[in-house]
Each structure stands twice: as C-alpha cells, then as structure tokens.
Amino acid sequence: MTKLSNPDSFRRRQVHEMVLLQKYADIITDTVFKKLFGDERFPDLMIFLLQELIPERNISSIKYSPQEHQNGFPEGHGIRVDVECYDETTGTRFAVEMQALKVRNFHDRLLAYSTYIVQEQFGIGLMNRESDKWDYSFPQSYVIALMDYDDNAQSDAIRHEYALLDVDGGRPFTDRLKFITLELPKYHDPADPRATALDKLCFALHNMRTFRNRPEYLQGKFFELLFEKAEIAKFAPHEVIKYEKDMLTQWDIDEYVGEQVEKGVKEGLEKGLREGMAKGMEEGMQKGRAEILNCLIASGMTIDEVADRLGLTVDEVLKLTGSSH
C-alpha cells in the first residue's frame, strides 16, 4: 500500500497545481524563508525584522554566518539554524528560526541552540586584549523564533522576550543571552491606523500565499521588497521545484498530524475510560506520533531531518520509531 508521505505522481501534480494558483509563496516554508531573510546579497529584509524586534540595538548593517554548528562530542549531534547573522558594529549575534508547527519542547530546543551560539562567541571576547586570560566577555546573543501558531494562550501580545533572571527579585543574571518569540497569528488589524509595524509584518508573513496583490496598507520599502521577492513567477526553476517539495512535505505533515492526533485522541479516550484517562491519552498520542515519524522516514527524510522538522531529538525519533543507529 502506498503511503501518503511517499506521494505518487498524482499527489505531486496536486501540489504543482496548487502552487500554480499562488502568486506569492508561503514564507513559512524553509525554502522561501531562507531565500528572503537569509540571502547575503539582500540583507534589507533581515535588517528590518531585527530593527522591529529589537529597536534598542539600532541595527543598520549585518553579516551572515554559517548555520551549521558541530557538536564537540563524538556521539553528539550538531544543529543547523535557519538563518544566522551578526551586527557588524557590535558583534551581536542573531539566530533566527521559523517554526510552522507547534511541537513539544520547542523552548528547550531554542535553549539548546543558544549553547552553540554562545560558545562560538568566546573567541570574540578575547580578541584584541592585552591579557590572554579568559574573562568570558563576549557580545550579546539573541535566539529569535517566528512561530506560526499561538505559543502563549494567556497573552494577546505578539512579541515575547525572555532572559536569565533572579527568581526572587527579577534581577538580570546576565544580559549576554536573550530569547525573543514572535507569534504571527496574533496580529491586530493591519488596516487599522493604530496597527504597528509588527502587526503588519505578522499579517504579511502569516497570509502571504493567499494574496493576489499587495494590500495598499502594506506600504514602504520593506513590504515592496518582501512581495517582490516572494513572487513565485520570479523564482528560478530549481527554487520552484524545492518550494513544491517543501509544500508537499508540509501537506503530508499537516494531514498526518490531523489524522493521527484525531485517531490518537479517540483511542486515548476509549482506553482512558478503561484504564485511566491520562495514561490512555498519552499512549494514543504516542502511537500517532510513531506513525507520522515512520511515514516521513519512508519518504526519504533522514533521522536528523525528521527530528529537526518536528522539534524532537534524534534519540526521541529513534525511540518512537523503534529504530537504532
């Protein structure tokens, strides 16, 4: 039986026809996000994003950095950040992640990423110093996550900033590391005169693939460039192919997540009535996750790619699928 996550020509044609109906690409996909915000030839979009998210930094010029970070331990796994750059003036580093799906332990994943980013700053802290002793002084690092979902149901705020603080008094433990999340679906009416630049930015990123033309209330150099770069007709052929592949993968994940979560909830409820609600729900969801992971691996994705896509560790993927190295 053909698995949905290993699509036949009919399924690929469906995605191709869907993309043909779009004027602008979905920025939430890896290919498009990196094309628009990670292209060193056109840093303006990333500069605008950083200026709006962290206005106090007065960022005017950035340089892009490699996104690959290797683990120093032989058995360890490295990481790959979506886009990474630094402020040319201050050395402040920014790691930017786009997350389309809500996954378990995503905040912990961002913390894990920060350890790699900070570690690579140590050499900068010793640069041009008379003493060769470690003083652990280095530029600030920001880990930024753009989330296409509601990450904080208790708040209507679009932007959230986190730092290491004194539990009792709230005094900063250090200002060298901060985390910023931007929840794209929480924008306020972008056509309202009171709408902020972040409202308009979130609206555009969240809805780009649905537009036929740029709304008149999205004016300015940033939005002009954003819409121009997202226009599928201006993509190179290989970029269109990669985009369609991303859309197909996302389509598979969305369908499987929806089906298996529903199935897992149903099974969990039925089992919960007999053996206890909490245990039954967990086992049902666990089975659904295992089926999703096995189908993604069958489609040709590596263990590392599946783990990165769903916000899991490699060990968690192996455990859920019953695989081994």
C-alpha atoms as a PDB file:
ATOM      1  CA  MET A   1       0.000   0.000   0.000  1.00  0.00           C
ATOM      2  CA  THR A   2       1.390   3.427  -0.950  1.00  0.00           C
ATOM      3  CA  LYS A   3       1.977   5.706   2.000  1.00  0.00           C
ATOM      4  CA  LEU A   4       0.680   9.261   1.879  1.00  0.00           C
ATOM      5  CA  SER A   5       4.098  10.594   2.841  1.00  0.00           C
ATOM      6  CA  ASN A   6       5.623   8.880  -0.219  1.00  0.00           C
ATOM      7  CA  PRO A   7       3.374  10.595  -2.790  1.00  0.00           C
ATOM      8  CA  ASP A   8       2.745   9.322  -6.297  1.00  0.00           C
ATOM      9  CA  SER A   9       2.658  11.466  -9.434  1.00  0.00           C
ATOM     10  CA  PHE A  10      -0.999  12.365  -8.836  1.00  0.00           C
ATOM     11  CA  ARG A  11      -0.207  13.842  -5.440  1.00  0.00           C
ATOM     12  CA  ARG A  12       2.771  15.748  -6.780  1.00  0.00           C
ATOM     13  CA  ARG A  13       0.569  17.106  -9.559  1.00  0.00           C
ATOM     14  CA  GLN A  14      -1.961  18.276  -6.988  1.00  0.00           C
ATOM     15  CA  VAL A  15       0.721  20.281  -5.209  1.00  0.00           C
ATOM     16  CA  HIS A  16       2.065  21.625  -8.506  1.00  0.00           C
ATOM     17  CA  GLU A  17      -1.417  22.841  -9.490  1.00  0.00           C
ATOM     18  CA  MET A  18      -1.913  24.387  -6.053  1.00  0.00           C
ATOM     19  CA  VAL A  19       1.348  26.303  -6.393  1.00  0.00           C
ATOM     20  CA  LEU A  20       0.324  27.494  -9.878  1.00  0.00           C
ATOM     21  CA  LEU A  21      -2.703  29.159  -8.286  1.00  0.00           C
ATOM     22  CA  GLN A  22      -0.492  31.121  -5.877  1.00  0.00           C
ATOM     23  CA  LYS A  23       1.007  34.429  -6.895  1.00  0.00           C
ATOM     24  CA  TYR A  24       3.151  34.660  -3.773  1.00  0.00           C
ATOM     25  CA  ALA A  25       4.937  31.835  -1.983  1.00  0.00           C
ATOM     26  CA  ASP A  26       4.290  30.747   1.574  1.00  0.00           C
ATOM     27  CA  ILE A  27       7.078  32.405   3.565  1.00  0.00           C
ATOM     28  CA  ILE A  28       6.661  29.913   6.386  1.00  0.00           C
ATOM     29  CA  THR A  29       8.364  27.186   4.299  1.00  0.00           C
ATOM     30  CA  ASP A  30      12.100  26.665   4.763  1.00  0.00           C
ATOM     31  CA  THR A  31      12.990  27.386   1.146  1.00  0.00           C
ATOM     32  CA  VAL A  32      11.205  30.734   0.969  1.00  0.00           C
ATOM     33  CA  PHE A  33      12.109  31.958   4.452  1.00  0.00           C
ATOM     34  CA  LYS A  34      15.800  31.360   3.829  1.00  0.00           C
ATOM     35  CA  LYS A  35      15.542  32.868   0.325  1.00  0.00           C
ATOM     36  CA  LEU A  36      14.003  36.080   1.654  1.00  0.00           C
ATOM     37  CA  PHE A  37      15.737  36.515   5.004  1.00  0.00           C
ATOM     38  CA  GLY A  38      18.957  34.550   4.574  1.00  0.00           C
ATOM     39  CA  ASP A  39      20.301  35.882   1.278  1.00  0.00           C
ATOM     40  CA  GLU A  40      23.511  37.814   1.942  1.00  0.00           C
ATOM     41  CA  ARG A  41      23.010  39.755  -1.303  1.00  0.00           C
ATOM     42  CA  PHE A  42      19.766  41.238   0.044  1.00  0.00           C
ATOM     43  CA  PRO A  43      20.080  41.751   3.822  1.00  0.00           C
ATOM     44  CA  ASP A  44      17.454  44.525   3.959  1.00  0.00           C
ATOM     45  CA  LEU A  45      14.595  42.203   4.937  1.00  0.00           C
ATOM     46  CA  MET A  46      16.514  40.708   7.857  1.00  0.00           C
ATOM     47  CA  ILE A  47      17.722  44.132   8.970  1.00  0.00           C
ATOM     48  CA  PHE A  48      14.132  45.408   9.034  1.00  0.00           C
ATOM     49  CA  LEU A  49      12.984  42.363  11.005  1.00  0.00           C
ATOM     50  CA  LEU A  50      15.733  42.847  13.594  1.00  0.00           C
ATOM     51  CA  GLN A  51      15.080  46.588  13.800  1.00  0.00           C
ATOM     52  CA  GLU A  52      11.418  45.969  14.601  1.00  0.00           C
ATOM     53  CA  LEU A  53      12.072  43.147  17.043  1.00  0.00           C
ATOM     54  CA  ILE A  54      14.987  44.805  18.863  1.00  0.00           C
ATOM     55  CA  PRO A  55      14.744  48.571  18.193  1.00  0.00           C
ATOM     56  CA  GLU A  56      17.121  49.407  21.047  1.00  0.00           C
ATOM     57  CA  ARG A  57      20.020  47.769  19.154  1.00  0.00           C
ATOM     58  CA  ASN A  58      19.887  50.338  16.295  1.00  0.00           C
ATOM     59  CA  ILE A  59      20.962  47.687  13.784  1.00  0.00           C
ATOM     60  CA  SER A  60      21.944  49.083  10.402  1.00  0.00           C
ATOM     61  CA  SER A  61      24.364  46.536   8.937  1.00  0.00           C
ATOM     62  CA  ILE A  62      24.683  42.757   9.289  1.00  0.00           C
ATOM     63  CA  LYS A  63      26.836  39.921   8.043  1.00  0.00           C
ATOM     64  CA  TYR A  64      25.569  36.378   7.619  1.00  0.00           C
ATOM     65  CA  SER A  65      27.217  33.446   9.389  1.00  0.00           C
ATOM     66  CA  PRO A  66      27.262  29.694   8.653  1.00  0.00           C
ATOM     67  CA  GLN A  67      24.173  27.961  10.048  1.00  0.00           C
ATOM     68  CA  GLU A  68      25.949  24.682  10.814  1.00  0.00           C
ATOM     69  CA  HIS A  69      27.198  24.100  14.369  1.00  0.00           C
ATOM     70  CA  GLN A  70      29.064  20.902  15.167  1.00  0.00           C
ATOM     71  CA  ASN A  71      28.806  19.101  18.484  1.00  0.00           C
ATOM     72  CA  GLY A  72      32.175  18.718  20.189  1.00  0.00           C
ATOM     73  CA  PHE A  73      31.380  15.206  21.397  1.00  0.00           C
ATOM     74  CA  PRO A  74      31.941  12.222  19.062  1.00  0.00           C
ATOM     75  CA  GLU A  75      28.452  10.787  19.618  1.00  0.00           C
ATOM     76  CA  GLY A  76      26.720  14.150  19.702  1.00  0.00           C
ATOM     77  CA  HIS A  77      24.579  15.757  17.016  1.00  0.00           C
ATOM     78  CA  GLY A  78      25.153  19.288  15.768  1.00  0.00           C
ATOM     79  CA  ILE A  79      22.464  21.792  14.853  1.00  0.00           C
ATOM     80  CA  ARG A  80      21.502  23.858  11.832  1.00  0.00           C
ATOM     81  CA  VAL A  81      19.886  27.239  12.397  1.00  0.00           C
ATOM     82  CA  ASP A  82      17.555  28.604   9.696  1.00  0.00           C
ATOM     83  CA  VAL A  83      19.316  31.965   9.450  1.00  0.00           C
ATOM     84  CA  GLU A  84      22.218  33.325  11.485  1.00  0.00           C
ATOM     85  CA  CYS A  85      23.879  36.728  11.297  1.00  0.00           C
ATOM     86  CA  TYR A  86      25.660  39.337  13.402  1.00  0.00           C
ATOM     87  CA  ASP A  87      25.732  43.109  13.786  1.00  0.00           C
ATOM     88  CA  GLU A  88      28.867  44.404  12.075  1.00  0.00           C
ATOM     89  CA  THR A  89      29.221  47.245  14.565  1.00  0.00           C
ATOM     90  CA  THR A  90      28.814  45.470  17.910  1.00  0.00           C
ATOM     91  CA  GLY A  91      29.271  41.794  17.042  1.00  0.00           C
ATOM     92  CA  THR A  92      25.849  40.958  18.499  1.00  0.00           C
ATOM     93  CA  ARG A  93      24.750  37.619  17.096  1.00  0.00           C
ATOM     94  CA  PHE A  94      21.252  36.619  15.989  1.00  0.00           C
ATOM     95  CA  ALA A  95      19.988  33.093  15.356  1.00  0.00           C
ATOM     96  CA  VAL A  96      16.553  33.169  13.688  1.00  0.00           C
ATOM     97  CA  GLU A  97      14.232  30.152  13.456  1.00  0.00           C
ATOM     98  CA  MET A  98      10.932  29.852  11.586  1.00  0.00           C
ATOM     99  CA  GLN A  99       8.604  27.299  13.195  1.00  0.00           C
ATOM    100  CA  ALA A 100       5.414  26.368  11.350  1.00  0.00           C
ATOM    101  CA  LEU A 101       4.122  23.652  13.684  1.00  0.00           C
ATOM    102  CA  LYS A 102       3.667  23.636  17.434  1.00  0.00           C
ATOM    103  CA  VAL A 103       5.885  20.875  18.784  1.00  0.00           C
ATOM    104  CA  ARG A 104       6.872  19.594  22.182  1.00  0.00           C
ATOM    105  CA  ASN A 105       9.874  21.109  23.949  1.00  0.00           C
ATOM    106  CA  PHE A 106      10.426  23.849  21.367  1.00  0.00           C
ATOM    107  CA  HIS A 107      11.550  26.291  24.071  1.00  0.00           C
ATOM    108  CA  ASP A 108      14.110  23.724  25.236  1.00  0.00           C
ATOM    109  CA  ARG A 109      15.242  23.383  21.633  1.00  0.00           C
ATOM    110  CA  LEU A 110      15.889  27.137  21.484  1.00  0.00           C
ATOM    111  CA  LEU A 111      17.872  26.917  24.712  1.00  0.00           C
ATOM    112  CA  ALA A 112      19.957  24.103  23.252  1.00  0.00           C
ATOM    113  CA  TYR A 113      20.614  26.228  20.161  1.00  0.00           C
ATOM    114  CA  SER A 114      21.778  29.101  22.353  1.00  0.00           C
ATOM    115  CA  THR A 115      24.559  26.991  23.857  1.00  0.00           C
ATOM    116  CA  TYR A 116      26.133  26.577  20.426  1.00  0.00           C
ATOM    117  CA  ILE A 117      25.742  30.253  19.565  1.00  0.00           C
ATOM    118  CA  VAL A 118      27.231  31.485  22.844  1.00  0.00           C
ATOM    119  CA  GLN A 119      30.100  29.009  22.743  1.00  0.00           C
ATOM    120  CA  GLU A 120      31.264  30.379  19.401  1.00  0.00           C
ATOM    121  CA  GLN A 121      31.396  33.878  20.891  1.00  0.00           C
ATOM    122  CA  PHE A 122      34.204  33.076  23.333  1.00  0.00           C
ATOM    123  CA  GLY A 123      36.994  33.780  20.857  1.00  0.00           C
ATOM    124  CA  ILE A 124      35.477  37.193  20.092  1.00  0.00           C
ATOM    125  CA  GLY A 125      35.571  38.049  23.785  1.00  0.00           C
ATOM    126  CA  LEU A 126      39.355  37.587  23.912  1.00  0.00           C
ATOM    127  CA  MET A 127      40.101  39.343  20.643  1.00  0.00           C
ATOM    128  CA  ASN A 128      42.499  42.345  20.784  1.00  0.00           C
ATOM    129  CA  ARG A 129      43.076  42.045  24.522  1.00  0.00           C
ATOM    130  CA  GLU A 130      46.432  42.573  26.186  1.00  0.00           C
ATOM    131  CA  SER A 131      45.911  39.641  28.546  1.00  0.00           C
ATOM    132  CA  ASP A 132      45.463  36.096  27.283  1.00  0.00           C
ATOM    133  CA  LYS A 133      43.349  35.130  30.297  1.00  0.00           C
ATOM    134  CA  TRP A 134      39.742  34.154  29.878  1.00  0.00           C
ATOM    135  CA  ASP A 135      37.381  36.847  31.077  1.00  0.00           C
ATOM    136  CA  TYR A 136      34.292  35.430  29.304  1.00  0.00           C
ATOM    137  CA  SER A 137      33.279  38.803  27.950  1.00  0.00           C
ATOM    138  CA  PHE A 138      31.574  38.474  24.593  1.00  0.00           C
ATOM    139  CA  PRO A 139      28.897  40.231  22.502  1.00  0.00           C
ATOM    140  CA  GLN A 140      25.240  39.605  23.205  1.00  0.00           C
ATOM    141  CA  SER A 141      23.426  36.736  21.533  1.00  0.00           C
ATOM    142  CA  TYR A 142      19.746  36.579  20.602  1.00  0.00           C
ATOM    143  CA  VAL A 143      17.805  33.443  19.695  1.00  0.00           C
ATOM    144  CA  ILE A 144      14.688  34.501  17.774  1.00  0.00           C
ATOM    145  CA  ALA A 145      11.734  32.289  16.868  1.00  0.00           C
ATOM    146  CA  LEU A 146       8.965  33.251  14.448  1.00  0.00           C
ATOM    147  CA  MET A 147       6.042  30.982  15.304  1.00  0.00           C
ATOM    148  CA  ASP A 148       3.080  30.448  13.003  1.00  0.00           C
ATOM    149  CA  TYR A 149       0.881  29.455  15.943  1.00  0.00           C
ATOM    150  CA  ASP A 150      -0.322  30.641  19.352  1.00  0.00           C
ATOM    151  CA  ASP A 151       2.528  29.926  21.755  1.00  0.00           C
ATOM    152  CA  ASN A 152       1.057  31.686  24.787  1.00  0.00           C
ATOM    153  CA  ALA A 153      -2.697  31.369  25.253  1.00  0.00           C
ATOM    154  CA  GLN A 154      -2.621  33.583  28.356  1.00  0.00           C
ATOM    155  CA  SER A 155      -1.413  36.627  26.433  1.00  0.00           C
ATOM    156  CA  ASP A 156      -2.531  38.604  23.390  1.00  0.00           C
ATOM    157  CA  ALA A 157       0.970  40.001  22.900  1.00  0.00           C
ATOM    158  CA  ILE A 158       2.683  39.318  19.585  1.00  0.00           C
ATOM    159  CA  ARG A 159       6.230  39.614  20.848  1.00  0.00           C
ATOM    160  CA  HIS A 160       7.692  37.988  23.956  1.00  0.00           C
ATOM    161  CA  GLU A 161      11.201  38.424  25.327  1.00  0.00           C
ATOM    162  CA  TYR A 162      12.878  36.069  27.780  1.00  0.00           C
ATOM    163  CA  ALA A 163      16.131  36.333  29.723  1.00  0.00           C
ATOM    164  CA  LEU A 164      18.029  34.715  32.598  1.00  0.00           C
ATOM    165  CA  LEU A 165      16.758  36.384  35.789  1.00  0.00           C
ATOM    166  CA  ASP A 166      16.931  36.135  39.568  1.00  0.00           C
ATOM    167  CA  VAL A 167      13.921  34.019  40.562  1.00  0.00           C
ATOM    168  CA  ASP A 168      13.182  36.089  43.666  1.00  0.00           C
ATOM    169  CA  GLY A 169      13.879  39.655  42.635  1.00  0.00           C
ATOM    170  CA  GLY A 170      13.888  39.552  38.837  1.00  0.00           C
ATOM    171  CA  ARG A 171      17.421  40.956  38.704  1.00  0.00           C
ATOM    172  CA  PRO A 172      19.207  40.001  35.456  1.00  0.00           C
ATOM    173  CA  PHE A 173      21.680  37.161  35.888  1.00  0.00           C
ATOM    174  CA  THR A 174      23.386  38.207  32.629  1.00  0.00           C
ATOM    175  CA  ASP A 175      22.457  40.322  29.628  1.00  0.00           C
ATOM    176  CA  ARG A 176      24.569  38.258  27.219  1.00  0.00           C
ATOM    177  CA  LEU A 177      21.722  35.963  26.183  1.00  0.00           C
ATOM    178  CA  LYS A 178      18.096  36.689  25.311  1.00  0.00           C
ATOM    179  CA  PHE A 179      15.250  34.870  23.589  1.00  0.00           C
ATOM    180  CA  ILE A 180      12.550  36.564  21.511  1.00  0.00           C
ATOM    181  CA  THR A 181       9.439  34.897  20.116  1.00  0.00           C
ATOM    182  CA  LEU A 182       7.053  36.410  17.576  1.00  0.00           C
ATOM    183  CA  GLU A 183       3.597  34.798  17.289  1.00  0.00           C
ATOM    184  CA  LEU A 184       2.481  35.506  13.733  1.00  0.00           C
ATOM    185  CA  PRO A 185      -1.279  34.741  14.038  1.00  0.00           C
ATOM    186  CA  LYS A 186      -1.782  37.282  16.842  1.00  0.00           C
ATOM    187  CA  TYR A 187      -1.555  40.421  14.703  1.00  0.00           C
ATOM    188  CA  HIS A 188      -4.079  43.204  15.152  1.00  0.00           C
ATOM    189  CA  ASP A 189      -5.993  44.596  12.167  1.00  0.00           C
ATOM    190  CA  PRO A 190      -3.196  45.748   9.818  1.00  0.00           C
ATOM    191  CA  ALA A 191      -5.573  48.180   8.105  1.00  0.00           C
ATOM    192  CA  ASP A 192      -6.228  49.997  11.382  1.00  0.00           C
ATOM    193  CA  PRO A 193      -4.261  53.285  11.643  1.00  0.00           C
ATOM    194  CA  ARG A 194      -3.106  52.140  15.088  1.00  0.00           C
ATOM    195  CA  ALA A 195      -1.537  48.962  13.702  1.00  0.00           C
ATOM    196  CA  THR A 196       2.178  48.674  14.428  1.00  0.00           C
ATOM    197  CA  ALA A 197       4.893  47.591  12.032  1.00  0.00           C
ATOM    198  CA  LEU A 198       4.952  44.227  13.838  1.00  0.00           C
ATOM    199  CA  ASP A 199       1.197  43.823  13.271  1.00  0.00           C
ATOM    200  CA  LYS A 200       1.699  44.385   9.560  1.00  0.00           C
ATOM    201  CA  LEU A 201       4.777  42.158   9.435  1.00  0.00           C
ATOM    202  CA  CYS A 202       2.983  39.255  11.143  1.00  0.00           C
ATOM    203  CA  PHE A 203      -0.057  39.715   8.895  1.00  0.00           C
ATOM    204  CA  ALA A 204       2.087  39.592   5.759  1.00  0.00           C
ATOM    205  CA  LEU A 205       4.159  36.581   6.816  1.00  0.00           C
ATOM    206  CA  HIS A 206       1.137  34.621   8.033  1.00  0.00           C
ATOM    207  CA  ASN A 207      -1.006  35.268   4.931  1.00  0.00           C
ATOM    208  CA  MET A 208       1.442  35.775   2.059  1.00  0.00           C
ATOM    209  CA  ARG A 209       0.373  32.799  -0.062  1.00  0.00           C
ATOM    210  CA  THR A 210      -3.282  33.958  -0.026  1.00  0.00           C
ATOM    211  CA  PHE A 211      -2.637  37.381  -1.570  1.00  0.00           C
ATOM    212  CA  ARG A 212      -3.317  38.222  -5.198  1.00  0.00           C
ATOM    213  CA  ASN A 213      -1.825  41.701  -4.817  1.00  0.00           C
ATOM    214  CA  ARG A 214      -0.044  43.670  -2.125  1.00  0.00           C
ATOM    215  CA  PRO A 215      -2.628  45.363   0.166  1.00  0.00           C
ATOM    216  CA  GLU A 216      -2.464  49.151  -0.019  1.00  0.00           C
ATOM    217  CA  TYR A 217      -1.905  49.443   3.738  1.00  0.00           C
ATOM    218  CA  LEU A 218       1.366  47.485   3.450  1.00  0.00           C
ATOM    219  CA  GLN A 219       3.485  50.345   2.187  1.00  0.00           C
ATOM    220  CA  GLY A 220       7.180  51.099   2.390  1.00  0.00           C
ATOM    221  CA  LYS A 221      10.451  49.689   1.118  1.00  0.00           C
ATOM    222  CA  PHE A 222      10.292  46.572   3.276  1.00  0.00           C
ATOM    223  CA  PHE A 223       6.889  45.386   2.074  1.00  0.00           C
ATOM    224  CA  GLU A 224       7.659  46.289  -1.533  1.00  0.00           C
ATOM    225  CA  LEU A 225      10.783  44.129  -1.363  1.00  0.00           C
ATOM    226  CA  LEU A 226       9.034  41.368   0.575  1.00  0.00           C
ATOM    227  CA  PHE A 227       6.287  40.960  -2.024  1.00  0.00           C
ATOM    228  CA  GLU A 228       8.715  41.258  -4.918  1.00  0.00           C
ATOM    229  CA  LYS A 229      10.981  38.523  -3.521  1.00  0.00           C
ATOM    230  CA  ALA A 230       8.030  36.249  -2.663  1.00  0.00           C
ATOM    231  CA  GLU A 231       6.538  36.340  -6.171  1.00  0.00           C
ATOM    232  CA  ILE A 232       6.737  32.788  -7.492  1.00  0.00           C
ATOM    233  CA  ALA A 233       6.972  33.915 -11.139  1.00  0.00           C
ATOM    234  CA  LYS A 234      10.398  35.402 -10.308  1.00  0.00           C
ATOM    235  CA  PHE A 235      11.764  32.188  -8.758  1.00  0.00           C
ATOM    236  CA  ALA A 236      14.435  30.254 -10.598  1.00  0.00           C
ATOM    237  CA  PRO A 237      13.254  26.816 -11.836  1.00  0.00           C
ATOM    238  CA  HIS A 238      15.195  24.946  -9.149  1.00  0.00           C
ATOM    239  CA  GLU A 239      13.677  27.221  -6.476  1.00  0.00           C
ATOM    240  CA  VAL A 240      10.162  26.379  -7.668  1.00  0.00           C
ATOM    241  CA  ILE A 241      10.957  22.663  -7.525  1.00  0.00           C
ATOM    242  CA  LYS A 242      12.348  22.984  -3.999  1.00  0.00           C
ATOM    243  CA  TYR A 243       9.348  25.074  -2.932  1.00  0.00           C
ATOM    244  CA  GLU A 244       6.903  22.486  -4.267  1.00  0.00           C
ATOM    245  CA  LYS A 245       8.804  19.795  -2.391  1.00  0.00           C
ATOM    246  CA  ASP A 246       8.544  21.837   0.814  1.00  0.00           C
ATOM    247  CA  MET A 247       4.818  22.348   0.261  1.00  0.00           C
ATOM    248  CA  LEU A 248       4.335  18.624  -0.347  1.00  0.00           C
ATOM    249  CA  THR A 249       6.198  17.743   2.836  1.00  0.00           C
ATOM    250  CA  GLN A 250       4.198  20.310   4.800  1.00  0.00           C
ATOM    251  CA  TRP A 251       0.971  18.995   3.297  1.00  0.00           C
ATOM    252  CA  ASP A 252       1.897  15.443   4.343  1.00  0.00           C
ATOM    253  CA  ILE A 253       2.756  16.548   7.869  1.00  0.00           C
ATOM    254  CA  ASP A 254      -0.432  18.582   8.244  1.00  0.00           C
ATOM    255  CA  GLU A 255      -2.592  15.678   7.066  1.00  0.00           C
ATOM    256  CA  TYR A 256      -0.865  13.079   9.190  1.00  0.00           C
ATOM    257  CA  VAL A 257      -0.798  15.276  12.257  1.00  0.00           C
ATOM    258  CA  GLY A 258      -4.507  15.989  11.869  1.00  0.00           C
ATOM    259  CA  GLU A 259      -5.461  12.377  11.217  1.00  0.00           C
ATOM    260  CA  GLN A 260      -3.214  10.802  13.804  1.00  0.00           C
ATOM    261  CA  VAL A 261      -3.938  13.327  16.526  1.00  0.00           C
ATOM    262  CA  GLU A 262      -7.646  12.741  15.984  1.00  0.00           C
ATOM    263  CA  LYS A 263      -7.064   8.988  15.986  1.00  0.00           C
ATOM    264  CA  GLY A 264      -4.790   9.201  18.999  1.00  0.00           C
ATOM    265  CA  VAL A 265      -7.285  11.292  20.934  1.00  0.00           C
ATOM    266  CA  LYS A 266     -10.093   8.831  20.113  1.00  0.00           C
ATOM    267  CA  GLU A 267      -8.029   5.812  21.083  1.00  0.00           C
ATOM    268  CA  GLY A 268      -6.779   7.603  24.149  1.00  0.00           C
ATOM    269  CA  LEU A 269     -10.289   8.469  25.242  1.00  0.00           C
ATOM    270  CA  GLU A 270     -11.505   4.900  24.756  1.00  0.00           C
ATOM    271  CA  LYS A 271      -8.537   3.459  26.590  1.00  0.00           C
ATOM    272  CA  GLY A 272      -8.773   6.151  29.218  1.00  0.00           C
ATOM    273  CA  LEU A 273     -12.312   5.086  30.099  1.00  0.00           C
ATOM    274  CA  ARG A 274     -10.980   1.637  30.885  1.00  0.00           C
ATOM    275  CA  GLU A 275      -7.529   2.239  32.315  1.00  0.00           C
ATOM    276  CA  GLY A 276      -7.351   5.879  33.235  1.00  0.00           C
ATOM    277  CA  MET A 277      -7.748   8.966  31.072  1.00  0.00           C
ATOM    278  CA  ALA A 278      -4.222  10.343  31.334  1.00  0.00           C
ATOM    279  CA  LYS A 279      -2.437   7.096  30.502  1.00  0.00           C
ATOM    280  CA  GLY A 280      -4.757   6.291  27.611  1.00  0.00           C
ATOM    281  CA  MET A 281      -4.375   9.724  26.014  1.00  0.00           C
ATOM    282  CA  GLU A 282      -0.596   9.523  26.208  1.00  0.00           C
ATOM    283  CA  GLU A 283      -0.425   6.065  24.634  1.00  0.00           C
ATOM    284  CA  GLY A 284      -2.803   7.042  21.853  1.00  0.00           C
ATOM    285  CA  MET A 285      -0.818  10.174  21.023  1.00  0.00           C
ATOM    286  CA  GLN A 286       2.433   8.187  21.229  1.00  0.00           C
ATOM    287  CA  LYS A 287       1.166   5.713  18.621  1.00  0.00           C
ATOM    288  CA  GLY A 288       0.068   8.558  16.334  1.00  0.00           C
ATOM    289  CA  ARG A 289       3.478  10.243  16.576  1.00  0.00           C
ATOM    290  CA  ALA A 290       5.236   6.955  15.763  1.00  0.00           C
ATOM    291  CA  GLU A 291       3.183   6.508  12.581  1.00  0.00           C
ATOM    292  CA  ILE A 292       3.929  10.068  11.468  1.00  0.00           C
ATOM    293  CA  LEU A 293       7.658   9.604  12.010  1.00  0.00           C
ATOM    294  CA  ASN A 294       7.822   6.267  10.185  1.00  0.00           C
ATOM    295  CA  CYS A 295       5.995   7.713   7.179  1.00  0.00           C
ATOM    296  CA  LEU A 296       8.308  10.731   6.994  1.00  0.00           C
ATOM    297  CA  ILE A 297      11.347   8.470   7.126  1.00  0.00           C
ATOM    298  CA  ALA A 298       9.819   6.256   4.411  1.00  0.00           C
ATOM    299  CA  SER A 299       9.517   9.366   2.205  1.00  0.00           C
ATOM    300  CA  GLY A 300      13.302   9.691   2.163  1.00  0.00           C
ATOM    301  CA  MET A 301      13.905  12.158   5.012  1.00  0.00           C
ATOM    302  CA  THR A 302      16.861  11.365   7.269  1.00  0.00           C
ATOM    303  CA  ILE A 303      16.513  10.864  11.022  1.00  0.00           C
ATOM    304  CA  ASP A 304      18.173  14.241  11.583  1.00  0.00           C
ATOM    305  CA  GLU A 305      15.786  15.983   9.153  1.00  0.00           C
ATOM    306  CA  VAL A 306      12.723  14.412  10.808  1.00  0.00           C
ATOM    307  CA  ALA A 307      13.967  15.403  14.254  1.00  0.00           C
ATOM    308  CA  ASP A 308      14.618  18.979  13.133  1.00  0.00           C
ATOM    309  CA  ARG A 309      11.269  19.267  11.326  1.00  0.00           C
ATOM    310  CA  LEU A 310       9.203  18.115  14.332  1.00  0.00           C
ATOM    311  CA  GLY A 311      11.303  19.620  17.117  1.00  0.00           C
ATOM    312  CA  LEU A 312      12.424  16.292  18.591  1.00  0.00           C
ATOM    313  CA  THR A 313      15.844  14.951  19.483  1.00  0.00           C
ATOM    314  CA  VAL A 314      17.340  12.198  17.351  1.00  0.00           C
ATOM    315  CA  ASP A 315      17.082   9.819  20.328  1.00  0.00           C
ATOM    316  CA  GLU A 316      13.361  10.600  20.688  1.00  0.00           C
ATOM    317  CA  VAL A 317      12.763   9.827  17.000  1.00  0.00           C
ATOM    318  CA  LEU A 318      14.673   6.544  17.277  1.00  0.00           C
ATOM    319  CA  LYS A 319      12.754   5.569  20.411  1.00  0.00           C
ATOM    320  CA  LEU A 320       9.352   6.390  18.933  1.00  0.00           C
ATOM    321  CA  THR A 321      10.028   4.540  15.691  1.00  0.00           C
ATOM    322  CA  GLY A 322      11.735   1.575  17.312  1.00  0.00           C
ATOM    323  CA  SER A 323      14.850   2.181  15.201  1.00  0.00           C
ATOM    324  CA  SER A 324      18.527   2.163  16.101  1.00  0.00           C
ATOM    325  CA  HIS A 325      21.623   3.829  14.669  1.00  0.00           C
END
